[in-house]
Amino acid sequence: AVELFMARDFDAQERQWSAMSERMALALDAAGKVQTRLGYPQEPGIQPANILRVYVTPLHKSAQQVYDALLAMDPQIYVGLSHGELVINPQCLKEEEVGAVINGFTAALSAND
């Protein structure tokens, strides 16, 4: 297990996570129903702090409404909720799941429009 951990290319992994965050932010912004920003957690205790995250502010619904809609989906989409923003951490995603997150957000933002 230690050998596998030591053999990992952490720089490549961080680049992949950053690319995933950038892809999600661009796609969500394109729909015009949210404002996104990319950033790193500033709250003490959130680890790892070096993974670029997507912070999403819905423009026509509350963050709580979108959060609840994402959790009600099957399968659920779990994101963080902090200070009126939804927070997507790509560390918990596989590359092939990015589209499902984008589609889930699109559905949650469009529900009852």
C-alpha atoms as a PDB file:
ATOM      1  CA  ALA A   1       0.000   0.000   0.000  1.00  0.00           C
ATOM      2  CA  VAL A   2       2.819   2.386   0.834  1.00  0.00           C
ATOM      3  CA  GLU A   3       4.506   1.660  -2.503  1.00  0.00           C
ATOM      4  CA  LEU A   4       1.288   2.423  -4.377  1.00  0.00           C
ATOM      5  CA  PHE A   5       0.860   5.693  -2.482  1.00  0.00           C
ATOM      6  CA  MET A   6       4.452   6.742  -3.149  1.00  0.00           C
ATOM      7  CA  ALA A   7       4.170   5.859  -6.850  1.00  0.00           C
ATOM      8  CA  ARG A   8       1.177   8.163  -7.426  1.00  0.00           C
ATOM      9  CA  ASP A   9       1.704  11.212  -9.603  1.00  0.00           C
ATOM     10  CA  PHE A  10       0.120  13.839  -7.365  1.00  0.00           C
ATOM     11  CA  ASP A  11       0.891  16.693  -9.782  1.00  0.00           C
ATOM     12  CA  ALA A  12      -0.979  14.914 -12.570  1.00  0.00           C
ATOM     13  CA  GLN A  13      -3.894  14.237 -10.211  1.00  0.00           C
ATOM     14  CA  GLU A  14      -4.103  17.924  -9.225  1.00  0.00           C
ATOM     15  CA  ARG A  15      -4.030  18.930 -12.908  1.00  0.00           C
ATOM     16  CA  GLN A  16      -6.883  16.517 -13.632  1.00  0.00           C
ATOM     17  CA  TRP A  17      -8.973  17.860 -10.743  1.00  0.00           C
ATOM     18  CA  SER A  18      -8.328  21.458 -11.844  1.00  0.00           C
ATOM     19  CA  ALA A  19      -9.370  20.625 -15.404  1.00  0.00           C
ATOM     20  CA  MET A  20     -12.548  18.964 -14.107  1.00  0.00           C
ATOM     21  CA  SER A  21     -13.384  22.036 -11.996  1.00  0.00           C
ATOM     22  CA  GLU A  22     -12.785  24.359 -14.936  1.00  0.00           C
ATOM     23  CA  ARG A  23     -14.974  22.211 -17.208  1.00  0.00           C
ATOM     24  CA  MET A  24     -17.846  22.195 -14.708  1.00  0.00           C
ATOM     25  CA  ALA A  25     -17.613  25.952 -14.090  1.00  0.00           C
ATOM     26  CA  LEU A  26     -17.668  26.745 -17.812  1.00  0.00           C
ATOM     27  CA  ALA A  27     -20.625  24.454 -18.487  1.00  0.00           C
ATOM     28  CA  LEU A  28     -22.655  25.738 -15.544  1.00  0.00           C
ATOM     29  CA  ASP A  29     -21.952  29.382 -16.411  1.00  0.00           C
ATOM     30  CA  ALA A  30     -23.007  28.777 -20.014  1.00  0.00           C
ATOM     31  CA  ALA A  31     -26.540  27.901 -18.889  1.00  0.00           C
ATOM     32  CA  GLY A  32     -26.972  31.411 -17.455  1.00  0.00           C
ATOM     33  CA  LYS A  33     -28.665  30.296 -14.242  1.00  0.00           C
ATOM     34  CA  VAL A  34     -25.674  30.500 -11.921  1.00  0.00           C
ATOM     35  CA  GLN A  35     -22.569  32.475 -11.266  1.00  0.00           C
ATOM     36  CA  THR A  36     -19.478  30.385 -10.635  1.00  0.00           C
ATOM     37  CA  ARG A  37     -16.015  31.034  -9.371  1.00  0.00           C
ATOM     38  CA  LEU A  38     -13.028  28.778  -8.952  1.00  0.00           C
ATOM     39  CA  GLY A  39     -11.136  28.805  -5.699  1.00  0.00           C
ATOM     40  CA  TYR A  40      -9.628  27.029  -2.767  1.00  0.00           C
ATOM     41  CA  PRO A  41     -11.294  26.565   0.620  1.00  0.00           C
ATOM     42  CA  GLN A  42     -10.542  29.322   3.098  1.00  0.00           C
ATOM     43  CA  GLU A  43     -12.284  27.842   6.123  1.00  0.00           C
ATOM     44  CA  PRO A  44      -9.989  26.280   8.706  1.00  0.00           C
ATOM     45  CA  GLY A  45     -10.024  22.520   8.815  1.00  0.00           C
ATOM     46  CA  ILE A  46     -11.130  21.808   5.232  1.00  0.00           C
ATOM     47  CA  GLN A  47      -8.629  19.395   3.743  1.00  0.00           C
ATOM     48  CA  PRO A  48      -7.028  19.018   1.374  1.00  0.00           C
ATOM     49  CA  ALA A  49      -6.979  22.744   0.767  1.00  0.00           C
ATOM     50  CA  ASN A  50      -4.952  22.560  -2.454  1.00  0.00           C
ATOM     51  CA  ILE A  51      -7.751  21.169  -4.668  1.00  0.00           C
ATOM     52  CA  LEU A  52      -9.429  23.717  -6.921  1.00  0.00           C
ATOM     53  CA  ARG A  53     -13.172  23.744  -6.277  1.00  0.00           C
ATOM     54  CA  VAL A  54     -16.181  25.205  -8.062  1.00  0.00           C
ATOM     55  CA  TYR A  55     -18.262  27.654  -6.020  1.00  0.00           C
ATOM     56  CA  VAL A  56     -21.765  28.011  -7.474  1.00  0.00           C
ATOM     57  CA  THR A  57     -24.246  30.786  -6.679  1.00  0.00           C
ATOM     58  CA  PRO A  58     -27.718  30.188  -8.171  1.00  0.00           C
ATOM     59  CA  LEU A  59     -29.249  33.343  -9.648  1.00  0.00           C
ATOM     60  CA  HIS A  60     -32.967  32.464  -9.395  1.00  0.00           C
ATOM     61  CA  LYS A  61     -33.145  29.941  -6.553  1.00  0.00           C
ATOM     62  CA  SER A  62     -31.538  29.658  -3.176  1.00  0.00           C
ATOM     63  CA  ALA A  63     -28.466  27.520  -2.807  1.00  0.00           C
ATOM     64  CA  GLN A  64     -30.412  25.445  -0.278  1.00  0.00           C
ATOM     65  CA  GLN A  65     -33.167  24.729  -2.853  1.00  0.00           C
ATOM     66  CA  VAL A  66     -30.614  23.508  -5.400  1.00  0.00           C
ATOM     67  CA  TYR A  67     -28.753  21.533  -2.731  1.00  0.00           C
ATOM     68  CA  ASP A  68     -31.990  19.785  -1.689  1.00  0.00           C
ATOM     69  CA  ALA A  69     -32.880  19.037  -5.330  1.00  0.00           C
ATOM     70  CA  LEU A  70     -29.439  17.492  -5.945  1.00  0.00           C
ATOM     71  CA  LEU A  71     -29.823  15.260  -2.889  1.00  0.00           C
ATOM     72  CA  ALA A  72     -33.296  14.173  -4.026  1.00  0.00           C
ATOM     73  CA  MET A  73     -31.933  12.859  -7.338  1.00  0.00           C
ATOM     74  CA  ASP A  74     -31.253   9.208  -8.016  1.00  0.00           C
ATOM     75  CA  PRO A  75     -28.357   8.851  -7.789  1.00  0.00           C
ATOM     76  CA  GLN A  76     -27.812  11.691  -5.356  1.00  0.00           C
ATOM     77  CA  ILE A  77     -25.360  14.435  -6.157  1.00  0.00           C
ATOM     78  CA  TYR A  78     -23.628  15.572  -3.002  1.00  0.00           C
ATOM     79  CA  VAL A  79     -21.985  18.989  -2.894  1.00  0.00           C
ATOM     80  CA  GLY A  80     -20.968  21.268  -0.076  1.00  0.00           C
ATOM     81  CA  LEU A  81     -23.096  24.208   1.025  1.00  0.00           C
ATOM     82  CA  SER A  82     -21.240  27.164   2.469  1.00  0.00           C
ATOM     83  CA  HIS A  83     -22.256  30.806   2.914  1.00  0.00           C
ATOM     84  CA  GLY A  84     -24.962  30.684   0.223  1.00  0.00           C
ATOM     85  CA  GLU A  85     -22.777  28.874  -2.300  1.00  0.00           C
ATOM     86  CA  LEU A  86     -22.745  25.281  -3.470  1.00  0.00           C
ATOM     87  CA  VAL A  87     -19.246  23.834  -3.492  1.00  0.00           C
ATOM     88  CA  ILE A  88     -18.172  21.092  -5.895  1.00  0.00           C
ATOM     89  CA  ASN A  89     -15.049  19.178  -4.897  1.00  0.00           C
ATOM     90  CA  PRO A  90     -13.684  17.231  -7.885  1.00  0.00           C
ATOM     91  CA  GLN A  91     -11.662  14.967  -5.601  1.00  0.00           C
ATOM     92  CA  CYS A  92     -14.786  12.883  -5.088  1.00  0.00           C
ATOM     93  CA  LEU A  93     -15.490  12.477  -8.814  1.00  0.00           C
ATOM     94  CA  LYS A  94     -14.260  10.323 -11.648  1.00  0.00           C
ATOM     95  CA  GLU A  95     -13.679  12.084 -14.952  1.00  0.00           C
ATOM     96  CA  GLU A  96     -16.655  10.269 -16.504  1.00  0.00           C
ATOM     97  CA  GLU A  97     -18.972  11.571 -13.744  1.00  0.00           C
ATOM     98  CA  VAL A  98     -18.457  15.262 -14.561  1.00  0.00           C
ATOM     99  CA  GLY A  99     -21.209  15.213 -17.177  1.00  0.00           C
ATOM    100  CA  ALA A 100     -23.657  13.736 -14.670  1.00  0.00           C
ATOM    101  CA  VAL A 101     -22.889  16.541 -12.207  1.00  0.00           C
ATOM    102  CA  ILE A 102     -23.419  19.166 -14.911  1.00  0.00           C
ATOM    103  CA  ASN A 103     -26.681  17.513 -15.995  1.00  0.00           C
ATOM    104  CA  GLY A 104     -27.839  17.224 -12.389  1.00  0.00           C
ATOM    105  CA  PHE A 105     -27.218  20.901 -11.744  1.00  0.00           C
ATOM    106  CA  THR A 106     -29.024  21.785 -14.977  1.00  0.00           C
ATOM    107  CA  ALA A 107     -32.050  19.741 -13.921  1.00  0.00           C
ATOM    108  CA  ALA A 108     -32.058  21.115 -10.367  1.00  0.00           C
ATOM    109  CA  LEU A 109     -31.812  24.682 -11.631  1.00  0.00           C
ATOM    110  CA  SER A 110     -34.562  24.173 -14.223  1.00  0.00           C
ATOM    111  CA  ALA A 111     -37.064  22.347 -12.012  1.00  0.00           C
ATOM    112  CA  ASN A 112     -40.341  24.272 -11.641  1.00  0.00           C
ATOM    113  CA  ASP A 113     -39.252  27.013 -14.056  1.00  0.00           C
END
